[in-house]
Amino acid sequence: MTHWLLTRYEHLTLWIEGASGSDRAAHLHAGLLIWLAAALILRRPLRDIRPILIVAAAEAANECADRYVHGSWRWPDTIGDAVTTLFWPTMILLLLHLRPRLRR
């Protein structure tokens, strides 16, 4: 059952990558979408750390699924995916935290 589920997940991610034009674009959009959805579901502001922790957990789960499907870690790809997924949510989170100080 696990193998079937992860194989289906892999097919879905490949379809999304094809529709978005690239693996990196898919990770960028997924990171922002999960971050915004987590903030809405948790009813927390975007400056709260909890929504970005959800993004990090989702990305970790995605990379574990990739590792299972491919049979080994592909570190350059794994690190690139994590950076791409977390980059914009992290930058926006930092700006939201720095904004009051920048106004002075």
N, C-alpha and C. Protein backbone atom coordinates (compact mmCIF):
# COMPACT_ATOMS: atom_id res chain seq x y z
N MET A 1 0.83 -1.20 0.00
CA MET A 1 0.00 0.00 0.00
C MET A 1 0.87 1.26 0.00
N THR A 2 1.91 1.27 0.85
CA THR A 2 2.78 2.44 0.91
C THR A 2 3.45 2.69 -0.43
N HIS A 3 3.97 1.63 -1.03
CA HIS A 3 4.64 1.78 -2.32
C HIS A 3 3.68 2.33 -3.37
N TRP A 4 2.47 1.80 -3.42
CA TRP A 4 1.47 2.26 -4.38
C TRP A 4 1.16 3.74 -4.16
N LEU A 5 0.96 4.13 -2.90
CA LEU A 5 0.63 5.51 -2.57
C LEU A 5 1.76 6.45 -2.95
N LEU A 6 2.99 6.09 -2.62
CA LEU A 6 4.13 6.95 -2.94
C LEU A 6 4.38 7.01 -4.45
N THR A 7 4.12 5.93 -5.15
CA THR A 7 4.26 5.95 -6.61
C THR A 7 3.22 6.88 -7.22
N ARG A 8 2.00 6.84 -6.73
CA ARG A 8 0.95 7.75 -7.21
C ARG A 8 1.32 9.20 -6.90
N TYR A 9 1.87 9.42 -5.71
CA TYR A 9 2.31 10.77 -5.33
C TYR A 9 3.40 11.25 -6.29
N GLU A 10 4.33 10.38 -6.63
CA GLU A 10 5.40 10.73 -7.56
C GLU A 10 4.82 11.09 -8.93
N HIS A 11 3.84 10.34 -9.40
CA HIS A 11 3.20 10.67 -10.69
C HIS A 11 2.51 12.04 -10.63
N LEU A 12 1.86 12.32 -9.51
CA LEU A 12 1.21 13.62 -9.34
C LEU A 12 2.24 14.75 -9.37
N THR A 13 3.36 14.57 -8.66
CA THR A 13 4.37 15.63 -8.64
C THR A 13 4.99 15.83 -10.02
N LEU A 14 5.18 14.75 -10.75
CA LEU A 14 5.72 14.89 -12.11
C LEU A 14 4.74 15.62 -13.02
N TRP A 15 3.44 15.36 -12.85
CA TRP A 15 2.43 16.07 -13.63
C TRP A 15 2.44 17.56 -13.28
N ILE A 16 2.53 17.88 -11.99
CA ILE A 16 2.57 19.28 -11.55
C ILE A 16 3.81 19.97 -12.11
N GLU A 17 4.96 19.29 -12.06
CA GLU A 17 6.18 19.86 -12.63
C GLU A 17 6.02 20.14 -14.11
N GLY A 18 5.40 19.23 -14.83
CA GLY A 18 5.16 19.43 -16.26
C GLY A 18 4.23 20.60 -16.52
N ALA A 19 3.20 20.73 -15.70
CA ALA A 19 2.24 21.83 -15.87
C ALA A 19 2.85 23.17 -15.51
N SER A 20 3.74 23.20 -14.54
CA SER A 20 4.32 24.47 -14.10
C SER A 20 5.54 24.86 -14.93
N GLY A 21 6.10 23.92 -15.66
CA GLY A 21 7.23 24.25 -16.51
C GLY A 21 8.57 23.80 -15.95
N SER A 22 8.66 23.62 -14.63
CA SER A 22 9.92 23.17 -14.05
C SER A 22 9.71 22.70 -12.62
N ASP A 23 10.65 21.90 -12.18
CA ASP A 23 10.65 21.41 -10.80
C ASP A 23 10.78 22.57 -9.82
N ARG A 24 11.65 23.52 -10.13
CA ARG A 24 11.89 24.65 -9.23
C ARG A 24 10.65 25.54 -9.11
N ALA A 25 9.98 25.79 -10.23
CA ALA A 25 8.76 26.60 -10.17
C ALA A 25 7.69 25.91 -9.34
N ALA A 26 7.58 24.59 -9.47
CA ALA A 26 6.60 23.85 -8.68
C ALA A 26 6.90 23.97 -7.19
N HIS A 27 8.17 23.87 -6.81
CA HIS A 27 8.54 23.99 -5.40
C HIS A 27 8.29 25.41 -4.89
N LEU A 28 8.59 26.40 -5.70
CA LEU A 28 8.36 27.79 -5.30
C LEU A 28 6.88 28.03 -5.04
N HIS A 29 6.04 27.62 -5.97
CA HIS A 29 4.60 27.82 -5.81
C HIS A 29 4.04 27.00 -4.65
N ALA A 30 4.50 25.77 -4.51
CA ALA A 30 4.01 24.92 -3.42
C ALA A 30 4.38 25.51 -2.06
N GLY A 31 5.59 26.03 -1.94
CA GLY A 31 6.01 26.64 -0.67
C GLY A 31 5.12 27.81 -0.28
N LEU A 32 4.85 28.68 -1.23
CA LEU A 32 3.99 29.83 -0.95
C LEU A 32 2.55 29.40 -0.66
N LEU A 33 2.04 28.46 -1.45
CA LEU A 33 0.67 27.99 -1.25
C LEU A 33 0.49 27.31 0.10
N ILE A 34 1.40 26.44 0.46
CA ILE A 34 1.30 25.75 1.76
C ILE A 34 1.43 26.74 2.90
N TRP A 35 2.32 27.72 2.77
CA TRP A 35 2.52 28.73 3.81
C TRP A 35 1.25 29.55 4.04
N LEU A 36 0.66 30.02 2.94
CA LEU A 36 -0.58 30.81 3.05
C LEU A 36 -1.73 29.96 3.59
N ALA A 37 -1.86 28.74 3.09
CA ALA A 37 -2.94 27.85 3.55
C ALA A 37 -2.77 27.52 5.03
N ALA A 38 -1.54 27.28 5.46
CA ALA A 38 -1.29 26.97 6.88
C ALA A 38 -1.65 28.15 7.76
N ALA A 39 -1.31 29.36 7.33
CA ALA A 39 -1.66 30.55 8.12
C ALA A 39 -3.18 30.70 8.23
N LEU A 40 -3.88 30.46 7.13
CA LEU A 40 -5.35 30.56 7.16
C LEU A 40 -5.97 29.47 8.04
N ILE A 41 -5.52 28.24 7.87
CA ILE A 41 -6.09 27.13 8.64
C ILE A 41 -5.78 27.27 10.13
N LEU A 42 -4.55 27.67 10.45
CA LEU A 42 -4.16 27.84 11.85
C LEU A 42 -4.66 29.16 12.45
N ARG A 43 -5.17 30.04 11.57
CA ARG A 43 -5.62 31.38 11.97
C ARG A 43 -4.50 32.14 12.68
N ARG A 44 -3.34 32.11 12.05
CA ARG A 44 -2.16 32.78 12.57
C ARG A 44 -1.69 33.80 11.54
N PRO A 45 -1.09 34.89 11.97
CA PRO A 45 -0.55 35.86 11.00
C PRO A 45 0.67 35.27 10.28
N LEU A 46 0.98 35.82 9.13
CA LEU A 46 2.11 35.32 8.35
C LEU A 46 3.44 35.54 9.07
N ARG A 47 3.49 36.45 10.02
CA ARG A 47 4.73 36.67 10.75
C ARG A 47 4.96 35.63 11.84
N ASP A 48 3.96 34.77 12.08
CA ASP A 48 4.07 33.69 13.06
C ASP A 48 4.93 32.56 12.48
N ILE A 49 5.71 31.92 13.32
CA ILE A 49 6.63 30.87 12.85
C ILE A 49 5.92 29.56 12.49
N ARG A 50 4.75 29.33 13.07
CA ARG A 50 4.07 28.03 12.87
C ARG A 50 3.73 27.72 11.41
N PRO A 51 3.21 28.65 10.62
CA PRO A 51 2.94 28.31 9.21
C PRO A 51 4.19 27.90 8.43
N ILE A 52 5.31 28.54 8.71
CA ILE A 52 6.53 28.17 7.97
C ILE A 52 7.07 26.82 8.44
N LEU A 53 6.79 26.47 9.69
CA LEU A 53 7.16 25.14 10.16
C LEU A 53 6.35 24.06 9.43
N ILE A 54 5.11 24.39 9.10
CA ILE A 54 4.28 23.47 8.30
C ILE A 54 4.89 23.29 6.91
N VAL A 55 5.38 24.38 6.32
CA VAL A 55 6.03 24.30 5.01
C VAL A 55 7.27 23.41 5.10
N ALA A 56 8.07 23.61 6.14
CA ALA A 56 9.28 22.80 6.31
C ALA A 56 8.93 21.33 6.49
N ALA A 57 7.89 21.04 7.25
CA ALA A 57 7.48 19.64 7.45
C ALA A 57 6.97 19.03 6.15
N ALA A 58 6.21 19.79 5.38
CA ALA A 58 5.71 19.29 4.09
C ALA A 58 6.86 19.03 3.13
N GLU A 59 7.83 19.92 3.11
CA GLU A 59 8.99 19.74 2.23
C GLU A 59 9.80 18.52 2.67
N ALA A 60 9.99 18.35 3.97
CA ALA A 60 10.71 17.17 4.46
C ALA A 60 9.98 15.88 4.07
N ALA A 61 8.67 15.88 4.20
CA ALA A 61 7.88 14.70 3.81
C ALA A 61 8.01 14.44 2.31
N ASN A 62 7.98 15.50 1.51
CA ASN A 62 8.14 15.36 0.06
C ASN A 62 9.50 14.77 -0.29
N GLU A 63 10.54 15.24 0.36
CA GLU A 63 11.88 14.72 0.07
C GLU A 63 12.04 13.28 0.54
N CYS A 64 11.40 12.92 1.65
CA CYS A 64 11.41 11.51 2.09
C CYS A 64 10.68 10.63 1.08
N ALA A 65 9.59 11.12 0.53
CA ALA A 65 8.87 10.37 -0.50
C ALA A 65 9.74 10.21 -1.74
N ASP A 66 10.43 11.28 -2.14
CA ASP A 66 11.35 11.19 -3.28
C ASP A 66 12.44 10.16 -3.02
N ARG A 67 12.97 10.16 -1.82
CA ARG A 67 14.03 9.22 -1.46
C ARG A 67 13.52 7.78 -1.56
N TYR A 68 12.31 7.56 -1.10
CA TYR A 68 11.72 6.22 -1.15
C TYR A 68 11.52 5.77 -2.60
N VAL A 69 10.99 6.65 -3.42
CA VAL A 69 10.70 6.30 -4.82
C VAL A 69 11.98 6.09 -5.61
N HIS A 70 13.00 6.94 -5.38
CA HIS A 70 14.24 6.85 -6.15
C HIS A 70 15.24 5.86 -5.56
N GLY A 71 15.03 5.45 -4.33
CA GLY A 71 15.91 4.45 -3.72
C GLY A 71 17.14 4.99 -3.04
N SER A 72 17.40 6.28 -3.17
CA SER A 72 18.56 6.89 -2.49
C SER A 72 18.36 8.40 -2.45
N TRP A 73 19.13 9.03 -1.58
CA TRP A 73 19.10 10.49 -1.52
C TRP A 73 19.83 11.04 -2.72
N ARG A 74 19.29 12.08 -3.29
CA ARG A 74 19.96 12.84 -4.36
C ARG A 74 20.20 14.23 -3.78
N TRP A 75 21.30 14.37 -3.03
CA TRP A 75 21.52 15.54 -2.18
C TRP A 75 21.47 16.87 -2.92
N PRO A 76 22.10 17.04 -4.07
CA PRO A 76 21.99 18.34 -4.74
C PRO A 76 20.54 18.71 -5.05
N ASP A 77 19.77 17.73 -5.50
CA ASP A 77 18.36 17.97 -5.81
C ASP A 77 17.56 18.23 -4.53
N THR A 78 17.82 17.45 -3.49
CA THR A 78 17.11 17.59 -2.21
C THR A 78 17.35 18.97 -1.60
N ILE A 79 18.59 19.40 -1.57
CA ILE A 79 18.93 20.71 -0.99
C ILE A 79 18.34 21.83 -1.84
N GLY A 80 18.46 21.71 -3.15
CA GLY A 80 17.88 22.72 -4.05
C GLY A 80 16.38 22.84 -3.89
N ASP A 81 15.70 21.69 -3.76
CA ASP A 81 14.25 21.71 -3.56
C ASP A 81 13.89 22.40 -2.25
N ALA A 82 14.61 22.08 -1.18
CA ALA A 82 14.31 22.67 0.13
C ALA A 82 14.54 24.19 0.11
N VAL A 83 15.63 24.62 -0.48
CA VAL A 83 15.91 26.06 -0.56
C VAL A 83 14.84 26.77 -1.38
N THR A 84 14.48 26.20 -2.52
CA THR A 84 13.47 26.82 -3.38
C THR A 84 12.12 26.89 -2.69
N THR A 85 11.74 25.83 -1.99
CA THR A 85 10.44 25.79 -1.32
C THR A 85 10.36 26.79 -0.17
N LEU A 86 11.43 26.92 0.59
CA LEU A 86 11.40 27.74 1.80
C LEU A 86 11.86 29.18 1.59
N PHE A 87 12.48 29.49 0.44
CA PHE A 87 13.10 30.81 0.27
C PHE A 87 12.12 31.97 0.43
N TRP A 88 11.07 32.05 -0.39
CA TRP A 88 10.18 33.21 -0.34
C TRP A 88 9.35 33.28 0.94
N PRO A 89 8.80 32.18 1.42
CA PRO A 89 8.12 32.30 2.72
C PRO A 89 9.05 32.81 3.83
N THR A 90 10.31 32.35 3.82
CA THR A 90 11.27 32.80 4.83
C THR A 90 11.60 34.28 4.65
N MET A 91 11.82 34.72 3.42
CA MET A 91 12.14 36.13 3.18
C MET A 91 10.98 37.03 3.60
N ILE A 92 9.77 36.65 3.26
CA ILE A 92 8.60 37.46 3.63
C ILE A 92 8.42 37.47 5.13
N LEU A 93 8.61 36.32 5.77
CA LEU A 93 8.52 36.24 7.24
C LEU A 93 9.54 37.18 7.89
N LEU A 94 10.77 37.17 7.41
CA LEU A 94 11.80 38.05 7.96
C LEU A 94 11.44 39.52 7.74
N LEU A 95 10.94 39.86 6.56
CA LEU A 95 10.53 41.24 6.31
C LEU A 95 9.39 41.67 7.23
N LEU A 96 8.45 40.78 7.48
CA LEU A 96 7.35 41.10 8.39
C LEU A 96 7.85 41.33 9.81
N HIS A 97 8.88 40.60 10.21
CA HIS A 97 9.46 40.80 11.54
C HIS A 97 10.30 42.07 11.60
N LEU A 98 10.96 42.42 10.50
CA LEU A 98 11.83 43.60 10.48
C LEU A 98 11.07 44.89 10.19
N ARG A 99 9.89 44.80 9.64
CA ARG A 99 9.14 45.98 9.21
C ARG A 99 9.00 47.05 10.29
N PRO A 100 8.63 46.72 11.52
CA PRO A 100 8.53 47.78 12.53
C PRO A 100 9.87 48.50 12.75
N ARG A 101 10.97 47.78 12.69
CA ARG A 101 12.29 48.40 12.89
C ARG A 101 12.70 49.24 11.69
N LEU A 102 12.27 48.85 10.50
CA LEU A 102 12.63 49.59 9.30
C LEU A 102 11.92 50.93 9.21
N ARG A 103 10.79 51.07 9.87
CA ARG A 103 10.03 52.33 9.83
C ARG A 103 10.66 53.42 10.68
N ARG A 104 11.51 53.06 11.61
CA ARG A 104 12.11 54.06 12.52
C ARG A 104 13.09 54.93 11.83
